[in-house]
N, C-alpha and C. Protein backbone atom coordinates (compact mmCIF):
# COMPACT_ATOMS: atom_id res chain seq x y z
N MET A 1 -19.92 40.48 -36.43
CA MET A 1 -21.06 39.69 -36.06
C MET A 1 -20.56 38.15 -36.21
N SER A 2 -19.42 37.88 -35.89
CA SER A 2 -18.92 36.54 -36.10
C SER A 2 -19.32 35.50 -35.02
N ASN A 3 -19.71 35.99 -33.80
CA ASN A 3 -20.12 35.18 -32.73
C ASN A 3 -21.56 35.37 -32.29
N VAL A 4 -22.45 35.28 -33.06
CA VAL A 4 -23.81 35.47 -32.88
C VAL A 4 -24.47 34.24 -32.37
N THR A 5 -25.15 34.29 -31.23
CA THR A 5 -25.88 33.14 -30.72
C THR A 5 -27.41 33.22 -31.11
N VAL A 6 -27.83 32.27 -31.80
CA VAL A 6 -29.13 32.18 -32.34
C VAL A 6 -29.97 31.22 -31.43
N PRO A 7 -31.16 31.68 -30.92
CA PRO A 7 -32.01 30.83 -30.13
C PRO A 7 -32.70 29.86 -31.08
N THR A 8 -32.12 28.76 -31.40
CA THR A 8 -32.62 27.85 -32.46
C THR A 8 -33.66 26.82 -31.98
N ALA A 9 -33.99 26.81 -30.76
CA ALA A 9 -35.00 25.86 -30.22
C ALA A 9 -36.28 25.99 -30.89
N SER A 10 -36.70 27.21 -31.23
CA SER A 10 -38.02 27.47 -31.84
C SER A 10 -37.95 27.61 -33.33
N LEU A 11 -36.86 27.48 -33.91
CA LEU A 11 -36.77 27.61 -35.38
C LEU A 11 -37.13 26.19 -36.10
N PRO A 12 -37.85 26.30 -37.11
CA PRO A 12 -38.24 25.05 -37.73
C PRO A 12 -37.15 24.37 -38.63
N THR A 13 -37.34 23.06 -38.70
CA THR A 13 -36.42 22.33 -39.62
C THR A 13 -37.03 22.54 -40.99
N LEU A 14 -36.22 22.95 -41.98
CA LEU A 14 -36.70 23.29 -43.31
C LEU A 14 -36.01 22.39 -44.31
N ARG A 15 -36.69 22.11 -45.41
CA ARG A 15 -36.18 21.29 -46.52
C ARG A 15 -36.82 21.66 -47.78
N LYS A 16 -36.22 21.12 -48.86
CA LYS A 16 -36.98 21.33 -50.13
C LYS A 16 -38.42 21.12 -50.08
N GLY A 17 -39.17 22.05 -50.57
CA GLY A 17 -40.60 21.96 -50.52
C GLY A 17 -41.23 22.84 -49.43
N SER A 18 -40.40 23.19 -48.48
CA SER A 18 -40.84 24.05 -47.37
C SER A 18 -41.16 25.48 -47.95
N GLN A 19 -42.15 26.24 -47.29
CA GLN A 19 -42.49 27.55 -47.84
C GLN A 19 -42.72 28.43 -46.63
N GLY A 20 -42.67 29.72 -46.82
CA GLY A 20 -43.13 30.67 -45.84
C GLY A 20 -41.99 31.51 -45.33
N GLU A 21 -42.38 32.28 -44.24
CA GLU A 21 -41.40 33.24 -43.73
C GLU A 21 -40.04 32.64 -43.36
N PRO A 22 -40.07 31.56 -42.62
CA PRO A 22 -38.76 30.94 -42.22
C PRO A 22 -37.76 30.74 -43.36
N VAL A 23 -38.39 30.20 -44.51
CA VAL A 23 -37.60 30.04 -45.76
C VAL A 23 -37.09 31.37 -46.28
N TYR A 24 -37.93 32.39 -46.24
CA TYR A 24 -37.49 33.74 -46.79
C TYR A 24 -36.32 34.18 -45.86
N ILE A 25 -36.42 34.00 -44.53
CA ILE A 25 -35.27 34.35 -43.56
C ILE A 25 -34.04 33.57 -44.01
N VAL A 26 -34.10 32.37 -44.35
CA VAL A 26 -32.92 31.55 -44.70
C VAL A 26 -32.32 32.16 -46.01
N GLN A 27 -33.22 32.44 -46.97
CA GLN A 27 -32.67 33.06 -48.22
C GLN A 27 -32.04 34.41 -48.00
N LEU A 28 -32.64 35.25 -47.12
CA LEU A 28 -31.98 36.54 -46.79
C LEU A 28 -30.63 36.33 -46.10
N LEU A 29 -30.54 35.40 -45.19
CA LEU A 29 -29.29 35.10 -44.50
C LEU A 29 -28.21 34.63 -45.50
N LEU A 30 -28.58 33.77 -46.46
CA LEU A 30 -27.71 33.33 -47.46
C LEU A 30 -27.13 34.51 -48.25
N ASN A 31 -28.05 35.33 -48.62
CA ASN A 31 -27.69 36.49 -49.44
C ASN A 31 -26.89 37.54 -48.70
N ASN A 32 -27.18 37.81 -47.48
CA ASN A 32 -26.65 38.93 -46.69
C ASN A 32 -25.42 38.51 -45.94
N PHE A 33 -25.29 37.34 -45.47
CA PHE A 33 -24.21 36.91 -44.62
C PHE A 33 -23.19 36.08 -45.43
N HIS A 34 -23.66 35.41 -46.53
CA HIS A 34 -22.85 34.50 -47.22
C HIS A 34 -22.64 34.81 -48.66
N GLY A 35 -22.88 35.96 -49.03
CA GLY A 35 -22.45 36.58 -50.34
C GLY A 35 -23.10 35.93 -51.56
N LEU A 36 -24.27 35.34 -51.31
CA LEU A 36 -24.95 34.76 -52.44
C LEU A 36 -26.08 35.64 -53.00
N GLU A 37 -26.54 35.34 -54.16
CA GLU A 37 -27.63 36.07 -54.76
C GLU A 37 -28.65 35.17 -55.24
N ILE A 38 -29.35 34.54 -54.34
CA ILE A 38 -30.42 33.58 -54.70
C ILE A 38 -31.79 34.33 -54.57
N LYS A 39 -32.74 33.73 -55.23
CA LYS A 39 -34.12 34.29 -55.06
C LYS A 39 -34.62 34.29 -53.75
N THR A 40 -35.27 35.34 -53.36
CA THR A 40 -35.95 35.44 -51.99
C THR A 40 -37.40 35.44 -52.26
N ASP A 41 -37.84 34.14 -52.49
CA ASP A 41 -39.32 33.99 -52.83
C ASP A 41 -40.06 33.15 -51.78
N ALA A 42 -39.43 32.88 -50.66
CA ALA A 42 -40.05 32.06 -49.55
C ALA A 42 -40.40 30.69 -49.92
N VAL A 43 -39.78 30.13 -51.01
CA VAL A 43 -39.98 28.78 -51.49
C VAL A 43 -38.58 28.04 -51.47
N PHE A 44 -38.57 26.97 -50.73
CA PHE A 44 -37.29 26.20 -50.59
C PHE A 44 -37.17 25.27 -51.77
N GLY A 45 -36.59 25.84 -52.83
CA GLY A 45 -36.50 25.02 -54.07
C GLY A 45 -35.03 24.47 -54.17
N GLN A 46 -34.71 24.09 -55.49
CA GLN A 46 -33.44 23.55 -55.72
C GLN A 46 -32.34 24.58 -55.53
N GLU A 47 -32.54 25.78 -55.83
CA GLU A 47 -31.41 26.82 -55.63
C GLU A 47 -31.14 26.98 -54.19
N THR A 48 -32.09 27.07 -53.39
CA THR A 48 -31.89 27.17 -51.94
C THR A 48 -31.29 25.90 -51.33
N GLU A 49 -31.77 24.81 -51.75
CA GLU A 49 -31.18 23.50 -51.25
C GLU A 49 -29.65 23.47 -51.69
N ASN A 50 -29.33 23.79 -52.87
CA ASN A 50 -27.95 23.75 -53.34
C ASN A 50 -27.09 24.73 -52.45
N ALA A 51 -27.61 25.95 -52.14
CA ALA A 51 -26.86 26.89 -51.39
C ALA A 51 -26.67 26.40 -49.95
N ILE A 52 -27.68 25.74 -49.40
CA ILE A 52 -27.50 25.10 -48.08
C ILE A 52 -26.60 24.05 -48.04
N LYS A 53 -26.57 23.14 -49.01
CA LYS A 53 -25.59 22.09 -49.10
C LYS A 53 -24.19 22.64 -49.31
N ASP A 54 -23.99 23.71 -49.98
CA ASP A 54 -22.69 24.35 -50.13
C ASP A 54 -22.22 24.96 -48.80
N LEU A 55 -23.15 25.59 -48.10
CA LEU A 55 -22.77 26.07 -46.71
C LEU A 55 -22.40 24.96 -45.81
N GLN A 56 -23.24 23.95 -45.76
CA GLN A 56 -22.95 22.77 -44.86
C GLN A 56 -21.55 22.16 -45.30
N PHE A 57 -21.28 21.95 -46.56
CA PHE A 57 -19.98 21.41 -46.97
C PHE A 57 -18.91 22.31 -46.45
N SER A 58 -19.03 23.68 -46.63
CA SER A 58 -17.98 24.59 -46.24
C SER A 58 -17.71 24.55 -44.77
N ARG A 59 -18.69 24.29 -44.01
CA ARG A 59 -18.58 24.25 -42.49
C ARG A 59 -18.26 22.76 -42.06
N LYS A 60 -18.08 21.89 -42.98
CA LYS A 60 -17.74 20.45 -42.66
C LYS A 60 -18.88 19.80 -41.92
N PHE A 61 -20.16 20.13 -42.29
CA PHE A 61 -21.26 19.44 -41.81
C PHE A 61 -21.73 18.38 -42.83
N SER A 62 -22.49 17.55 -42.49
CA SER A 62 -23.07 16.58 -43.42
C SER A 62 -23.99 17.44 -44.36
N ALA A 63 -23.69 17.39 -45.67
CA ALA A 63 -24.38 18.27 -46.68
C ALA A 63 -25.59 17.57 -47.08
N THR A 64 -26.69 17.78 -46.21
CA THR A 64 -27.95 17.21 -46.40
C THR A 64 -28.95 18.03 -47.15
N GLY A 65 -28.69 19.38 -47.18
CA GLY A 65 -29.61 20.41 -47.71
C GLY A 65 -30.77 20.69 -46.79
N VAL A 66 -30.81 20.12 -45.66
CA VAL A 66 -31.86 20.35 -44.64
C VAL A 66 -31.37 21.40 -43.68
N VAL A 67 -32.24 22.38 -43.35
CA VAL A 67 -31.80 23.46 -42.36
C VAL A 67 -32.27 22.91 -41.03
N ASP A 68 -31.35 22.43 -40.27
CA ASP A 68 -31.50 22.05 -38.90
C ASP A 68 -30.95 22.95 -37.90
N LYS A 69 -30.84 22.67 -36.70
CA LYS A 69 -30.35 23.53 -35.66
C LYS A 69 -28.92 24.04 -35.94
N LEU A 70 -28.03 23.10 -36.39
CA LEU A 70 -26.67 23.43 -36.58
C LEU A 70 -26.56 24.39 -37.85
N THR A 71 -27.34 24.09 -38.82
CA THR A 71 -27.38 24.90 -40.07
C THR A 71 -27.91 26.30 -39.77
N TRP A 72 -28.95 26.42 -38.96
CA TRP A 72 -29.50 27.82 -38.51
C TRP A 72 -28.35 28.61 -37.86
N GLU A 73 -27.62 27.93 -37.04
CA GLU A 73 -26.55 28.60 -36.34
C GLU A 73 -25.46 29.12 -37.36
N ALA A 74 -25.20 28.24 -38.35
CA ALA A 74 -24.19 28.62 -39.38
C ALA A 74 -24.74 29.75 -40.23
N LEU A 75 -26.03 29.80 -40.51
CA LEU A 75 -26.61 30.80 -41.28
C LEU A 75 -26.40 32.23 -40.74
N ALA A 76 -26.50 32.30 -39.43
CA ALA A 76 -26.37 33.47 -38.70
C ALA A 76 -24.97 33.97 -38.40
N THR A 77 -24.02 33.15 -38.92
CA THR A 77 -22.63 33.56 -38.81
C THR A 77 -22.02 33.81 -40.05
N ALA A 78 -21.54 35.07 -40.22
CA ALA A 78 -21.01 35.52 -41.55
C ALA A 78 -19.77 34.67 -41.91
N ASP A 79 -19.61 34.46 -43.23
CA ASP A 79 -18.40 33.82 -43.73
C ASP A 79 -17.14 34.63 -43.48
């Protein structure tokens, strides 16, 4: 599953404070594809932000902690 294309045009930009199903999906992707064990509570808190920053840093993106189009694509690609 290393070359998955994700239709990111309709995916929301998420950041600390965001809530709901898209955040839950981000948390599941972090846990299932990236070996993390963070809370899956659909709340984009500090733990989720730190995990996103770590993912962005590991992919040599700007580590903003914001889930944008590029970060969505990285989330869908296993480490």
